[in-house]
Amino acid sequence: MSAISDCVFCDIAAGRVPAQVVLEDAEVIAFLDARPVFKGHVLVAPRQHVATLPDLPAAAVGPFFLRIQRISAVMPTALGSQGTFVAANNVVSQSVPHLHFHVVPRTKGDGLRGFFWPRLRYASETEAAEYAERIRSALTAG
């Protein structure tokens, strides 16, 4: 296995850094955020290293967003949420300089206000794995 790079998301995509992966294919790697806004919060990143949305080649935009759309569509069934919040930062507040979109499960009254995102932790890797499996299963069924 090759050495760790300067990009943690590239390392996750390459299997060098562990993550709770919910979807992976030739275009995308999608995995649970280690510090979720709400449990089941998924990060969707292109396998190709690009820093921001404007850097993503035009031909890759459609395939990338189809994966985001699919994860957003299954999340209510998989997690019992009422909907999702989908967002990305470009440079400002972008904690990892690799394009990624947040797909966050939402329920009315969940306490999320504006762009202040309180962060939670999974109780254990087992709990994180259970959330990842629920989303994987919904993606497989959908």
C-alpha atoms as a PDB file:
ATOM      1  CA  MET A   1       0.000   0.000   0.000  1.00  0.00           C
ATOM      2  CA  SER A   2       1.404   3.390  -0.928  1.00  0.00           C
ATOM      3  CA  ALA A   3       2.188   6.198   1.470  1.00  0.00           C
ATOM      4  CA  ILE A   4      -0.343   8.657   2.848  1.00  0.00           C
ATOM      5  CA  SER A   5      -0.753  11.721   0.628  1.00  0.00           C
ATOM      6  CA  ASP A   6      -1.402  15.337   1.527  1.00  0.00           C
ATOM      7  CA  CYS A   7      -5.155  14.842   0.941  1.00  0.00           C
ATOM      8  CA  VAL A   8      -7.120  12.767   3.425  1.00  0.00           C
ATOM      9  CA  PHE A   9     -10.038  12.334   0.984  1.00  0.00           C
ATOM     10  CA  CYS A  10      -7.693  10.991  -1.710  1.00  0.00           C
ATOM     11  CA  ASP A  11      -6.333   8.626   0.935  1.00  0.00           C
ATOM     12  CA  ILE A  12      -9.857   7.493   1.863  1.00  0.00           C
ATOM     13  CA  ALA A  13     -10.656   6.936  -1.835  1.00  0.00           C
ATOM     14  CA  ALA A  14      -7.451   4.895  -2.203  1.00  0.00           C
ATOM     15  CA  GLY A  15      -8.210   2.818   0.909  1.00  0.00           C
ATOM     16  CA  ARG A  16      -5.178   4.138   2.797  1.00  0.00           C
ATOM     17  CA  VAL A  17      -7.298   5.813   5.492  1.00  0.00           C
ATOM     18  CA  PRO A  18     -10.306   3.990   6.955  1.00  0.00           C
ATOM     19  CA  ALA A  19     -13.794   5.461   6.639  1.00  0.00           C
ATOM     20  CA  GLN A  20     -17.384   4.272   6.841  1.00  0.00           C
ATOM     21  CA  VAL A  21     -17.988   4.147   3.098  1.00  0.00           C
ATOM     22  CA  VAL A  22     -21.620   4.171   1.922  1.00  0.00           C
ATOM     23  CA  LEU A  23     -21.031   4.397  -1.835  1.00  0.00           C
ATOM     24  CA  GLU A  24     -17.992   4.006  -4.026  1.00  0.00           C
ATOM     25  CA  ASP A  25     -17.597   3.643  -7.729  1.00  0.00           C
ATOM     26  CA  ALA A  26     -15.256   4.859 -10.465  1.00  0.00           C
ATOM     27  CA  GLU A  27     -16.476   8.466 -10.052  1.00  0.00           C
ATOM     28  CA  VAL A  28     -17.199   9.004  -6.374  1.00  0.00           C
ATOM     29  CA  ILE A  29     -16.387   8.037  -2.810  1.00  0.00           C
ATOM     30  CA  ALA A  30     -19.115   8.734  -0.226  1.00  0.00           C
ATOM     31  CA  PHE A  31     -18.553   8.146   3.470  1.00  0.00           C
ATOM     32  CA  LEU A  32     -19.814   9.166   6.895  1.00  0.00           C
ATOM     33  CA  ASP A  33     -18.482  12.439   8.260  1.00  0.00           C
ATOM     34  CA  ALA A  34     -16.398  11.551  11.329  1.00  0.00           C
ATOM     35  CA  ARG A  35     -17.874  14.603  13.109  1.00  0.00           C
ATOM     36  CA  PRO A  36     -21.462  14.644  11.834  1.00  0.00           C
ATOM     37  CA  VAL A  37     -23.981  17.437  12.186  1.00  0.00           C
ATOM     38  CA  PHE A  38     -26.513  14.617  12.681  1.00  0.00           C
ATOM     39  CA  LYS A  39     -25.824  10.894  12.625  1.00  0.00           C
ATOM     40  CA  GLY A  40     -25.835   9.616   9.060  1.00  0.00           C
ATOM     41  CA  HIS A  41     -24.208  12.811   7.694  1.00  0.00           C
ATOM     42  CA  VAL A  42     -22.430  11.763   4.476  1.00  0.00           C
ATOM     43  CA  LEU A  43     -19.590  13.422   2.585  1.00  0.00           C
ATOM     44  CA  VAL A  44     -19.607  12.857  -1.179  1.00  0.00           C
ATOM     45  CA  ALA A  45     -16.319  13.517  -2.973  1.00  0.00           C
ATOM     46  CA  PRO A  46     -15.116  12.874  -6.506  1.00  0.00           C
ATOM     47  CA  ARG A  47     -12.317  10.315  -6.670  1.00  0.00           C
ATOM     48  CA  GLN A  48     -10.415  12.733  -8.875  1.00  0.00           C
ATOM     49  CA  HIS A  49      -8.635  15.305  -6.737  1.00  0.00           C
ATOM     50  CA  VAL A  50     -10.124  18.729  -7.351  1.00  0.00           C
ATOM     51  CA  ALA A  51     -10.217  21.437  -4.710  1.00  0.00           C
ATOM     52  CA  THR A  52     -13.509  23.190  -5.486  1.00  0.00           C
ATOM     53  CA  LEU A  53     -16.628  22.853  -7.592  1.00  0.00           C
ATOM     54  CA  PRO A  54     -15.305  25.215 -10.275  1.00  0.00           C
ATOM     55  CA  ASP A  55     -12.303  22.869 -10.647  1.00  0.00           C
ATOM     56  CA  LEU A  56     -14.496  19.842 -11.419  1.00  0.00           C
ATOM     57  CA  PRO A  57     -14.401  19.094 -15.179  1.00  0.00           C
ATOM     58  CA  ALA A  58     -17.744  19.752 -16.857  1.00  0.00           C
ATOM     59  CA  ALA A  59     -18.067  16.119 -17.942  1.00  0.00           C
ATOM     60  CA  ALA A  60     -17.801  15.008 -14.303  1.00  0.00           C
ATOM     61  CA  VAL A  61     -20.467  17.379 -12.912  1.00  0.00           C
ATOM     62  CA  GLY A  62     -23.479  15.290 -13.962  1.00  0.00           C
ATOM     63  CA  PRO A  63     -22.156  11.947 -12.726  1.00  0.00           C
ATOM     64  CA  PHE A  64     -21.024  13.551  -9.444  1.00  0.00           C
ATOM     65  CA  PHE A  65     -24.386  15.186  -8.770  1.00  0.00           C
ATOM     66  CA  LEU A  66     -26.295  12.034  -9.689  1.00  0.00           C
ATOM     67  CA  ARG A  67     -24.549  10.309  -6.760  1.00  0.00           C
ATOM     68  CA  ILE A  68     -25.367  13.198  -4.414  1.00  0.00           C
ATOM     69  CA  GLN A  69     -28.988  13.093  -5.590  1.00  0.00           C
ATOM     70  CA  ARG A  70     -29.184   9.335  -5.029  1.00  0.00           C
ATOM     71  CA  ILE A  71     -27.811   9.518  -1.480  1.00  0.00           C
ATOM     72  CA  SER A  72     -30.162  12.398  -0.673  1.00  0.00           C
ATOM     73  CA  ALA A  73     -33.101  10.399  -2.036  1.00  0.00           C
ATOM     74  CA  VAL A  74     -32.503   7.300   0.110  1.00  0.00           C
ATOM     75  CA  MET A  75     -31.567   9.041   3.335  1.00  0.00           C
ATOM     76  CA  PRO A  76     -35.142   9.626   4.622  1.00  0.00           C
ATOM     77  CA  THR A  77     -35.998   5.940   4.196  1.00  0.00           C
ATOM     78  CA  ALA A  78     -32.648   4.716   5.513  1.00  0.00           C
ATOM     79  CA  LEU A  79     -32.535   6.970   8.569  1.00  0.00           C
ATOM     80  CA  GLY A  80     -36.124   7.996   9.239  1.00  0.00           C
ATOM     81  CA  SER A  81     -35.401  11.646   8.458  1.00  0.00           C
ATOM     82  CA  GLN A  82     -37.926  13.924   6.780  1.00  0.00           C
ATOM     83  CA  GLY A  83     -35.454  15.289   4.249  1.00  0.00           C
ATOM     84  CA  THR A  84     -31.867  16.356   3.726  1.00  0.00           C
ATOM     85  CA  PHE A  85     -29.652  19.399   3.656  1.00  0.00           C
ATOM     86  CA  VAL A  86     -27.099  19.374   0.836  1.00  0.00           C
ATOM     87  CA  ALA A  87     -24.243  21.873   0.885  1.00  0.00           C
ATOM     88  CA  ALA A  88     -20.621  22.499  -0.008  1.00  0.00           C
ATOM     89  CA  ASN A  89     -18.014  25.074   0.831  1.00  0.00           C
ATOM     90  CA  ASN A  90     -15.561  26.343  -1.748  1.00  0.00           C
ATOM     91  CA  VAL A  91     -12.323  27.486  -0.089  1.00  0.00           C
ATOM     92  CA  VAL A  92     -13.870  29.460   2.836  1.00  0.00           C
ATOM     93  CA  SER A  93     -14.761  27.030   5.635  1.00  0.00           C
ATOM     94  CA  GLN A  94     -13.606  24.115   3.467  1.00  0.00           C
ATOM     95  CA  SER A  95     -11.826  22.007   6.083  1.00  0.00           C
ATOM     96  CA  VAL A  96     -10.395  19.609   3.490  1.00  0.00           C
ATOM     97  CA  PRO A  97      -9.248  21.143   0.183  1.00  0.00           C
ATOM     98  CA  HIS A  98     -10.868  18.389  -1.886  1.00  0.00           C
ATOM     99  CA  LEU A  99     -14.325  19.042  -3.332  1.00  0.00           C
ATOM    100  CA  HIS A 100     -17.000  17.431  -1.203  1.00  0.00           C
ATOM    101  CA  PHE A 101     -20.699  17.872  -0.594  1.00  0.00           C
ATOM    102  CA  HIS A 102     -22.405  17.311   2.725  1.00  0.00           C
ATOM    103  CA  VAL A 103     -25.659  15.331   2.668  1.00  0.00           C
ATOM    104  CA  VAL A 104     -27.177  15.790   6.106  1.00  0.00           C
ATOM    105  CA  PRO A 105     -30.373  14.082   7.317  1.00  0.00           C
ATOM    106  CA  ARG A 106     -32.932  16.624   8.517  1.00  0.00           C
ATOM    107  CA  THR A 107     -36.078  16.428  10.601  1.00  0.00           C
ATOM    108  CA  LYS A 108     -38.326  19.345  11.475  1.00  0.00           C
ATOM    109  CA  GLY A 109     -37.309  20.713  14.863  1.00  0.00           C
ATOM    110  CA  ASP A 110     -33.852  19.114  14.769  1.00  0.00           C
ATOM    111  CA  GLY A 111     -32.264  22.331  16.013  1.00  0.00           C
ATOM    112  CA  LEU A 112     -30.152  23.158  12.958  1.00  0.00           C
ATOM    113  CA  ARG A 113     -30.303  26.893  12.407  1.00  0.00           C
ATOM    114  CA  GLY A 114     -28.685  28.673   9.515  1.00  0.00           C
ATOM    115  CA  PHE A 115     -25.111  27.709   8.898  1.00  0.00           C
ATOM    116  CA  PHE A 116     -24.098  27.005  12.497  1.00  0.00           C
ATOM    117  CA  TRP A 117     -23.434  23.289  12.492  1.00  0.00           C
ATOM    118  CA  PRO A 118     -23.106  21.721  15.931  1.00  0.00           C
ATOM    119  CA  ARG A 119     -21.056  18.546  15.707  1.00  0.00           C
ATOM    120  CA  LEU A 120     -21.763  15.173  17.298  1.00  0.00           C
ATOM    121  CA  ARG A 121     -19.733  12.005  17.679  1.00  0.00           C
ATOM    122  CA  TYR A 122     -20.756   8.438  17.097  1.00  0.00           C
ATOM    123  CA  ALA A 123     -20.838   6.451  20.337  1.00  0.00           C
ATOM    124  CA  SER A 124     -18.553   3.856  18.756  1.00  0.00           C
ATOM    125  CA  GLU A 125     -17.213   2.583  15.454  1.00  0.00           C
ATOM    126  CA  THR A 126     -19.973  -0.033  15.660  1.00  0.00           C
ATOM    127  CA  GLU A 127     -22.636   2.681  15.741  1.00  0.00           C
ATOM    128  CA  ALA A 128     -20.970   4.460  12.805  1.00  0.00           C
ATOM    129  CA  ALA A 129     -20.835   1.165  10.902  1.00  0.00           C
ATOM    130  CA  GLU A 130     -24.560   0.627  11.542  1.00  0.00           C
ATOM    131  CA  TYR A 131     -25.423   4.062  10.097  1.00  0.00           C
ATOM    132  CA  ALA A 132     -23.200   3.405   7.085  1.00  0.00           C
ATOM    133  CA  GLU A 133     -24.834   0.009   6.521  1.00  0.00           C
ATOM    134  CA  ARG A 134     -28.341   1.506   6.629  1.00  0.00           C
ATOM    135  CA  ILE A 135     -27.418   3.980   3.906  1.00  0.00           C
ATOM    136  CA  ARG A 136     -25.551   1.330   1.845  1.00  0.00           C
ATOM    137  CA  SER A 137     -28.574  -0.957   2.058  1.00  0.00           C
ATOM    138  CA  ALA A 138     -30.916   1.809   0.931  1.00  0.00           C
ATOM    139  CA  LEU A 139     -28.597   2.630  -1.984  1.00  0.00           C
ATOM    140  CA  THR A 140     -28.580  -1.018  -3.020  1.00  0.00           C
ATOM    141  CA  ALA A 141     -32.378  -1.241  -2.783  1.00  0.00           C
ATOM    142  CA  GLY A 142     -32.893   2.061  -4.627  1.00  0.00           C
END
